[in-house]
Amino acid sequence: MSLYDLKPGQQGYIQSVKGDDKLAKRLLALGCIEGTPVKVKLVAPLGDPIVISLRGFDLAIRKRDAKNILLKEVKEA
């Protein structure tokens, strides 16, 4: 399951970041590290961007980037 599959209010733990090296390095630099809890706060009406909360801050990412963030455990917040 990827971050893109979560609905607002759901949360999960990052399992891995896939994609090209440039994207993976950028997401890792922003704090998308394995084991980090992440929560979806808001999804724009057309699905892009997605606002997530991780490591104490909010981050808006594109849905195509969210599809590259794989989660290992998902639960309702």
PDB file of N, CA and C in Angstrom:
ATOM      1  N   MET A   1       0.841  -1.168   0.000  1.00  0.00           N
ATOM      2  CA  MET A   1       0.000   0.000   0.000  1.00  0.00           C
ATOM      3  C   MET A   1       0.892   1.239   0.000  1.00  0.00           C
ATOM      4  N   SER A   2       0.464   2.254  -0.731  1.00  0.00           N
ATOM      5  CA  SER A   2       1.251   3.480  -0.794  1.00  0.00           C
ATOM      6  C   SER A   2       0.551   4.603  -0.037  1.00  0.00           C
ATOM      7  N   LEU A   3       1.264   5.675   0.184  1.00  0.00           N
ATOM      8  CA  LEU A   3       0.721   6.848   0.861  1.00  0.00           C
ATOM      9  C   LEU A   3      -0.467   7.409   0.091  1.00  0.00           C
ATOM     10  N   TYR A   4      -0.456   7.276  -1.203  1.00  0.00           N
ATOM     11  CA  TYR A   4      -1.539   7.772  -2.052  1.00  0.00           C
ATOM     12  C   TYR A   4      -2.874   7.089  -1.735  1.00  0.00           C
ATOM     13  N   ASP A   5      -2.838   5.867  -1.245  1.00  0.00           N
ATOM     14  CA  ASP A   5      -4.048   5.095  -0.968  1.00  0.00           C
ATOM     15  C   ASP A   5      -4.752   5.497   0.329  1.00  0.00           C
ATOM     16  N   LEU A   6      -4.090   6.283   1.179  1.00  0.00           N
ATOM     17  CA  LEU A   6      -4.691   6.685   2.448  1.00  0.00           C
ATOM     18  C   LEU A   6      -5.713   7.800   2.246  1.00  0.00           C
ATOM     19  N   LYS A   7      -6.717   7.788   3.100  1.00  0.00           N
ATOM     20  CA  LYS A   7      -7.728   8.841   3.125  1.00  0.00           C
ATOM     21  C   LYS A   7      -7.351   9.832   4.230  1.00  0.00           C
ATOM     22  N   PRO A   8      -7.876  11.062   4.178  1.00  0.00           N
ATOM     23  CA  PRO A   8      -7.588  12.025   5.251  1.00  0.00           C
ATOM     24  C   PRO A   8      -7.953  11.452   6.620  1.00  0.00           C
ATOM     25  N   GLY A   9      -7.039  11.607   7.567  1.00  0.00           N
ATOM     26  CA  GLY A   9      -7.232  11.087   8.919  1.00  0.00           C
ATOM     27  C   GLY A   9      -6.553   9.753   9.159  1.00  0.00           C
ATOM     28  N   GLN A  10      -6.211   9.024   8.113  1.00  0.00           N
ATOM     29  CA  GLN A  10      -5.528   7.745   8.278  1.00  0.00           C
ATOM     30  C   GLN A  10      -4.035   7.976   8.428  1.00  0.00           C
ATOM     31  N   GLN A  11      -3.390   7.037   9.098  1.00  0.00           N
ATOM     32  CA  GLN A  11      -1.941   7.136   9.236  1.00  0.00           C
ATOM     33  C   GLN A  11      -1.292   5.783   9.060  1.00  0.00           C
ATOM     34  N   GLY A  12      -0.006   5.817   8.784  1.00  0.00           N
ATOM     35  CA  GLY A  12       0.752   4.598   8.597  1.00  0.00           C
ATOM     36  C   GLY A  12       2.220   4.846   8.883  1.00  0.00           C
ATOM     37  N   TYR A  13       3.021   3.828   8.687  1.00  0.00           N
ATOM     38  CA  TYR A  13       4.460   3.915   8.919  1.00  0.00           C
ATOM     39  C   TYR A  13       5.180   3.656   7.607  1.00  0.00           C
ATOM     40  N   ILE A  14       6.134   4.483   7.302  1.00  0.00           N
ATOM     41  CA  ILE A  14       6.862   4.363   6.040  1.00  0.00           C
ATOM     42  C   ILE A  14       7.692   3.087   6.042  1.00  0.00           C
ATOM     43  N   GLN A  15       7.533   2.317   4.976  1.00  0.00           N
ATOM     44  CA  GLN A  15       8.305   1.089   4.803  1.00  0.00           C
ATOM     45  C   GLN A  15       9.506   1.351   3.897  1.00  0.00           C
ATOM     46  N   SER A  16       9.265   2.035   2.777  1.00  0.00           N
ATOM     47  CA  SER A  16      10.355   2.332   1.849  1.00  0.00           C
ATOM     48  C   SER A  16       9.928   3.432   0.885  1.00  0.00           C
ATOM     49  N   VAL A  17      10.924   3.981   0.213  1.00  0.00           N
ATOM     50  CA  VAL A  17      10.693   4.992  -0.813  1.00  0.00           C
ATOM     51  C   VAL A  17      11.273   4.451  -2.104  1.00  0.00           C
ATOM     52  N   LYS A  18      10.446   4.350  -3.135  1.00  0.00           N
ATOM     53  CA  LYS A  18      10.933   3.838  -4.413  1.00  0.00           C
ATOM     54  C   LYS A  18      10.934   4.977  -5.425  1.00  0.00           C
ATOM     55  N   GLY A  19      11.337   4.682  -6.638  1.00  0.00           N
ATOM     56  CA  GLY A  19      11.407   5.703  -7.679  1.00  0.00           C
ATOM     57  C   GLY A  19      12.844   5.954  -8.073  1.00  0.00           C
ATOM     58  N   ASP A  20      13.040   6.958  -8.899  1.00  0.00           N
ATOM     59  CA  ASP A  20      14.409   7.257  -9.321  1.00  0.00           C
ATOM     60  C   ASP A  20      15.217   7.823  -8.148  1.00  0.00           C
ATOM     61  N   ASP A  21      16.537   7.839  -8.302  1.00  0.00           N
ATOM     62  CA  ASP A  21      17.422   8.262  -7.213  1.00  0.00           C
ATOM     63  C   ASP A  21      17.169   9.699  -6.787  1.00  0.00           C
ATOM     64  N   LYS A  22      16.903  10.571  -7.735  1.00  0.00           N
ATOM     65  CA  LYS A  22      16.682  11.987  -7.414  1.00  0.00           C
ATOM     66  C   LYS A  22      15.453  12.152  -6.517  1.00  0.00           C
ATOM     67  N   LEU A  23      14.369  11.484  -6.858  1.00  0.00           N
ATOM     68  CA  LEU A  23      13.141  11.551  -6.069  1.00  0.00           C
ATOM     69  C   LEU A  23      13.359  10.939  -4.686  1.00  0.00           C
ATOM     70  N   ALA A  24      13.968   9.770  -4.633  1.00  0.00           N
ATOM     71  CA  ALA A  24      14.190   9.093  -3.356  1.00  0.00           C
ATOM     72  C   ALA A  24      15.057   9.943  -2.435  1.00  0.00           C
ATOM     73  N   LYS A  25      16.102  10.549  -2.946  1.00  0.00           N
ATOM     74  CA  LYS A  25      16.969  11.397  -2.126  1.00  0.00           C
ATOM     75  C   LYS A  25      16.219  12.619  -1.606  1.00  0.00           C
ATOM     76  N   ARG A  26      15.372  13.214  -2.443  1.00  0.00           N
ATOM     77  CA  ARG A  26      14.612  14.394  -2.031  1.00  0.00           C
ATOM     78  C   ARG A  26      13.630  14.034  -0.925  1.00  0.00           C
ATOM     79  N   LEU A  27      12.910  12.913  -1.083  1.00  0.00           N
ATOM     80  CA  LEU A  27      11.952  12.491  -0.064  1.00  0.00           C
ATOM     81  C   LEU A  27      12.649  12.106   1.234  1.00  0.00           C
ATOM     82  N   LEU A  28      13.791  11.456   1.144  1.00  0.00           N
ATOM     83  CA  LEU A  28      14.549  11.113   2.345  1.00  0.00           C
ATOM     84  C   LEU A  28      15.040  12.364   3.057  1.00  0.00           C
ATOM     85  N   ALA A  29      15.474  13.368   2.305  1.00  0.00           N
ATOM     86  CA  ALA A  29      15.921  14.627   2.900  1.00  0.00           C
ATOM     87  C   ALA A  29      14.780  15.367   3.595  1.00  0.00           C
ATOM     88  N   LEU A  30      13.557  15.148   3.128  1.00  0.00           N
ATOM     89  CA  LEU A  30      12.392  15.787   3.742  1.00  0.00           C
ATOM     90  C   LEU A  30      11.879  15.011   4.959  1.00  0.00           C
ATOM     91  N   GLY A  31      12.478  13.879   5.271  1.00  0.00           N
ATOM     92  CA  GLY A  31      12.112  13.127   6.460  1.00  0.00           C
ATOM     93  C   GLY A  31      11.329  11.864   6.225  1.00  0.00           C
ATOM     94  N   CYS A  32      11.176  11.440   4.997  1.00  0.00           N
ATOM     95  CA  CYS A  32      10.447  10.206   4.687  1.00  0.00           C
ATOM     96  C   CYS A  32      11.390   9.020   4.856  1.00  0.00           C
ATOM     97  N   ILE A  33      11.651   8.681   6.121  1.00  0.00           N
ATOM     98  CA  ILE A  33      12.606   7.630   6.463  1.00  0.00           C
ATOM     99  C   ILE A  33      11.838   6.420   6.983  1.00  0.00           C
ATOM    100  N   GLU A  34      12.358   5.234   6.734  1.00  0.00           N
ATOM    101  CA  GLU A  34      11.702   3.995   7.155  1.00  0.00           C
ATOM    102  C   GLU A  34      11.340   4.034   8.641  1.00  0.00           C
ATOM    103  N   GLY A  35      10.091   3.658   8.938  1.00  0.00           N
ATOM    104  CA  GLY A  35       9.615   3.624  10.310  1.00  0.00           C
ATOM    105  C   GLY A  35       8.970   4.912  10.797  1.00  0.00           C
ATOM    106  N   THR A  36       9.037   5.972  10.003  1.00  0.00           N
ATOM    107  CA  THR A  36       8.457   7.252  10.395  1.00  0.00           C
ATOM    108  C   THR A  36       6.940   7.207  10.281  1.00  0.00           C
ATOM    109  N   PRO A  37       6.228   7.599  11.349  1.00  0.00           N
ATOM    110  CA  PRO A  37       4.768   7.669  11.235  1.00  0.00           C
ATOM    111  C   PRO A  37       4.366   8.858  10.362  1.00  0.00           C
ATOM    112  N   VAL A  38       3.375   8.666   9.522  1.00  0.00           N
ATOM    113  CA  VAL A  38       2.914   9.713   8.617  1.00  0.00           C
ATOM    114  C   VAL A  38       1.393   9.685   8.606  1.00  0.00           C
ATOM    115  N   LYS A  39       0.781  10.877   8.600  1.00  0.00           N
ATOM    116  CA  LYS A  39      -0.673  11.000   8.623  1.00  0.00           C
ATOM    117  C   LYS A  39      -1.118  11.902   7.481  1.00  0.00           C
ATOM    118  N   VAL A  40      -2.165  11.499   6.774  1.00  0.00           N
ATOM    119  CA  VAL A  40      -2.724  12.327   5.703  1.00  0.00           C
ATOM    120  C   VAL A  40      -3.679  13.329   6.345  1.00  0.00           C
ATOM    121  N   LYS A  41      -3.406  14.610   6.118  1.00  0.00           N
ATOM    122  CA  LYS A  41      -4.251  15.651   6.693  1.00  0.00           C
ATOM    123  C   LYS A  41      -5.299  16.157   5.717  1.00  0.00           C
ATOM    124  N   LEU A  42      -4.914  16.273   4.448  1.00  0.00           N
ATOM    125  CA  LEU A  42      -5.808  16.887   3.470  1.00  0.00           C
ATOM    126  C   LEU A  42      -5.454  16.409   2.070  1.00  0.00           C
ATOM    127  N   VAL A  43      -6.477  16.187   1.272  1.00  0.00           N
ATOM    128  CA  VAL A  43      -6.284  15.873  -0.142  1.00  0.00           C
ATOM    129  C   VAL A  43      -7.049  16.933  -0.923  1.00  0.00           C
ATOM    130  N   ALA A  44      -6.383  17.588  -1.858  1.00  0.00           N
ATOM    131  CA  ALA A  44      -7.017  18.626  -2.660  1.00  0.00           C
ATOM    132  C   ALA A  44      -8.182  18.031  -3.460  1.00  0.00           C
ATOM    133  N   PRO A  45      -9.149  18.860  -3.840  1.00  0.00           N
ATOM    134  CA  PRO A  45     -10.333  18.356  -4.544  1.00  0.00           C
ATOM    135  C   PRO A  45     -10.037  17.500  -5.784  1.00  0.00           C
ATOM    136  N   LEU A  46      -9.014  17.835  -6.525  1.00  0.00           N
ATOM    137  CA  LEU A  46      -8.667  17.047  -7.707  1.00  0.00           C
ATOM    138  C   LEU A  46      -7.594  15.999  -7.409  1.00  0.00           C
ATOM    139  N   GLY A  47      -7.260  15.827  -6.117  1.00  0.00           N
ATOM    140  CA  GLY A  47      -6.311  14.793  -5.719  1.00  0.00           C
ATOM    141  C   GLY A  47      -4.860  15.210  -5.704  1.00  0.00           C
ATOM    142  N   ASP A  48      -4.570  16.443  -6.049  1.00  0.00           N
ATOM    143  CA  ASP A  48      -3.179  16.883  -6.117  1.00  0.00           C
ATOM    144  C   ASP A  48      -3.082  18.323  -5.660  1.00  0.00           C
ATOM    145  N   PRO A  49      -2.366  18.689  -4.627  1.00  0.00           N
ATOM    146  CA  PRO A  49      -1.434  17.895  -3.824  1.00  0.00           C
ATOM    147  C   PRO A  49      -2.119  17.209  -2.643  1.00  0.00           C
ATOM    148  N   ILE A  50      -1.307  16.432  -1.941  1.00  0.00           N
ATOM    149  CA  ILE A  50      -1.727  15.757  -0.715  1.00  0.00           C
ATOM    150  C   ILE A  50      -0.905  16.364   0.416  1.00  0.00           C
ATOM    151  N   VAL A  51      -1.577  16.773   1.489  1.00  0.00           N
ATOM    152  CA  VAL A  51      -0.880  17.345   2.645  1.00  0.00           C
ATOM    153  C   VAL A  51      -0.733  16.250   3.685  1.00  0.00           C
ATOM    154  N   ILE A  52       0.518  15.980   4.064  1.00  0.00           N
ATOM    155  CA  ILE A  52       0.798  14.957   5.063  1.00  0.00           C
ATOM    156  C   ILE A  52       1.504  15.592   6.258  1.00  0.00           C
ATOM    157  N   SER A  53       1.406  14.936   7.381  1.00  0.00           N
ATOM    158  CA  SER A  53       2.081  15.387   8.594  1.00  0.00           C
ATOM    159  C   SER A  53       3.077  14.319   9.005  1.00  0.00           C
ATOM    160  N   LEU A  54       4.338  14.728   9.146  1.00  0.00           N
ATOM    161  CA  LEU A  54       5.368  13.809   9.610  1.00  0.00           C
ATOM    162  C   LEU A  54       6.451  14.591  10.323  1.00  0.00           C
ATOM    163  N   ARG A  55       7.017  14.001  11.340  1.00  0.00           N
ATOM    164  CA  ARG A  55       8.113  14.597  12.098  1.00  0.00           C
ATOM    165  C   ARG A  55       7.817  16.020  12.585  1.00  0.00           C
ATOM    166  N   GLY A  56       6.553  16.298  12.901  1.00  0.00           N
ATOM    167  CA  GLY A  56       6.190  17.588  13.477  1.00  0.00           C
ATOM    168  C   GLY A  56       5.925  18.713  12.504  1.00  0.00           C
ATOM    169  N   PHE A  57       5.872  18.432  11.213  1.00  0.00           N
ATOM    170  CA  PHE A  57       5.550  19.474  10.239  1.00  0.00           C
ATOM    171  C   PHE A  57       4.657  18.918   9.140  1.00  0.00           C
ATOM    172  N   ASP A  58       4.016  19.827   8.422  1.00  0.00           N
ATOM    173  CA  ASP A  58       3.151  19.441   7.309  1.00  0.00           C
ATOM    174  C   ASP A  58       3.913  19.584   6.007  1.00  0.00           C
ATOM    175  N   LEU A  59       3.659  18.676   5.093  1.00  0.00           N
ATOM    176  CA  LEU A  59       4.344  18.645   3.812  1.00  0.00           C
ATOM    177  C   LEU A  59       3.326  18.390   2.711  1.00  0.00           C
ATOM    178  N   ALA A  60       3.326  19.210   1.688  1.00  0.00           N
ATOM    179  CA  ALA A  60       2.450  19.014   0.533  1.00  0.00           C
ATOM    180  C   ALA A  60       3.272  18.343  -0.563  1.00  0.00           C
ATOM    181  N   ILE A  61       2.790  17.190  -1.027  1.00  0.00           N
ATOM    182  CA  ILE A  61       3.502  16.462  -2.076  1.00  0.00           C
ATOM    183  C   ILE A  61       2.537  16.108  -3.205  1.00  0.00           C
ATOM    184  N   ARG A  62       3.106  15.877  -4.361  1.00  0.00           N
ATOM    185  CA  ARG A  62       2.310  15.479  -5.526  1.00  0.00           C
ATOM    186  C   ARG A  62       1.829  14.047  -5.351  1.00  0.00           C
ATOM    187  N   LYS A  63       0.702  13.746  -5.985  1.00  0.00           N
ATOM    188  CA  LYS A  63       0.182  12.377  -5.848  1.00  0.00           C
ATOM    189  C   LYS A  63       1.114  11.372  -6.512  1.00  0.00           C
ATOM    190  N   ARG A  64       1.807  11.749  -7.566  1.00  0.00           N
ATOM    191  CA  ARG A  64       2.724  10.791  -8.191  1.00  0.00           C
ATOM    192  C   ARG A  64       3.917  10.493  -7.276  1.00  0.00           C
ATOM    193  N   ASP A  65       4.301  11.467  -6.421  1.00  0.00           N
ATOM    194  CA  ASP A  65       5.355  11.212  -5.439  1.00  0.00           C
ATOM    195  C   ASP A  65       4.818  10.361  -4.290  1.00  0.00           C
ATOM    196  N   ALA A  66       3.559  10.595  -3.892  1.00  0.00           N
ATOM    197  CA  ALA A  66       2.944   9.821  -2.812  1.00  0.00           C
ATOM    198  C   ALA A  66       2.831   8.347  -3.190  1.00  0.00           C
ATOM    199  N   LYS A  67       2.682   8.056  -4.470  1.00  0.00           N
ATOM    200  CA  LYS A  67       2.597   6.662  -4.922  1.00  0.00           C
ATOM    201  C   LYS A  67       3.919   5.928  -4.739  1.00  0.00           C
ATOM    202  N   ASN A  68       5.014   6.667  -4.574  1.00  0.00           N
ATOM    203  CA  ASN A  68       6.336   6.066  -4.404  1.00  0.00           C
ATOM    204  C   ASN A  68       6.725   5.856  -2.940  1.00  0.00           C
ATOM    205  N   ILE A  69       5.856   6.256  -2.017  1.00  0.00           N
ATOM    206  CA  ILE A  69       6.117   6.064  -0.601  1.00  0.00           C
ATOM    207  C   ILE A  69       5.271   4.884  -0.129  1.00  0.00           C
ATOM    208  N   LEU A  70       5.917   3.764   0.153  1.00  0.00           N
ATOM    209  CA  LEU A  70       5.213   2.543   0.548  1.00  0.00           C
ATOM    210  C   LEU A  70       5.087   2.476   2.064  1.00  0.00           C
ATOM    211  N   LEU A  71       3.931   2.005   2.525  1.00  0.00           N
ATOM    212  CA  LEU A  71       3.641   1.926   3.955  1.00  0.00           C
ATOM    213  C   LEU A  71       3.567   0.476   4.398  1.00  0.00           C
ATOM    214  N   LYS A  72       3.910   0.225   5.689  1.00  0.00           N
ATOM    215  CA  LYS A  72       3.851  -1.137   6.188  1.00  0.00           C
ATOM    216  C   LYS A  72       2.694  -1.385   7.132  1.00  0.00           C
ATOM    217  N   GLU A  73       2.201  -0.373   7.815  1.00  0.00           N
ATOM    218  CA  GLU A  73       1.086  -0.555   8.739  1.00  0.00           C
ATOM    219  C   GLU A  73       0.195   0.666   8.635  1.00  0.00           C
ATOM    220  N   VAL A  74      -1.089   0.445   8.498  1.00  0.00           N
ATOM    221  CA  VAL A  74      -2.039   1.541   8.344  1.00  0.00           C
ATOM    222  C   VAL A  74      -3.106   1.416   9.409  1.00  0.00           C
ATOM    223  N   LYS A  75      -3.451   2.551  10.013  1.00  0.00           N
ATOM    224  CA  LYS A  75      -4.516   2.533  11.002  1.00  0.00           C
ATOM    225  C   LYS A  75      -5.290   3.845  10.960  1.00  0.00           C
ATOM    226  N   GLU A  76      -6.507   3.785  11.454  1.00  0.00           N
ATOM    227  CA  GLU A  76      -7.347   4.971  11.540  1.00  0.00           C
ATOM    228  C   GLU A  76      -6.834   5.823  12.694  1.00  0.00           C
ATOM    229  N   ALA A  77      -6.828   7.127  12.499  1.00  0.00           N
ATOM    230  CA  ALA A  77      -6.346   8.026  13.560  1.00  0.00           C
ATOM    231  C   ALA A  77      -7.458   8.376  14.513  1.00  0.00           C
TER     232      ALA A  77
END
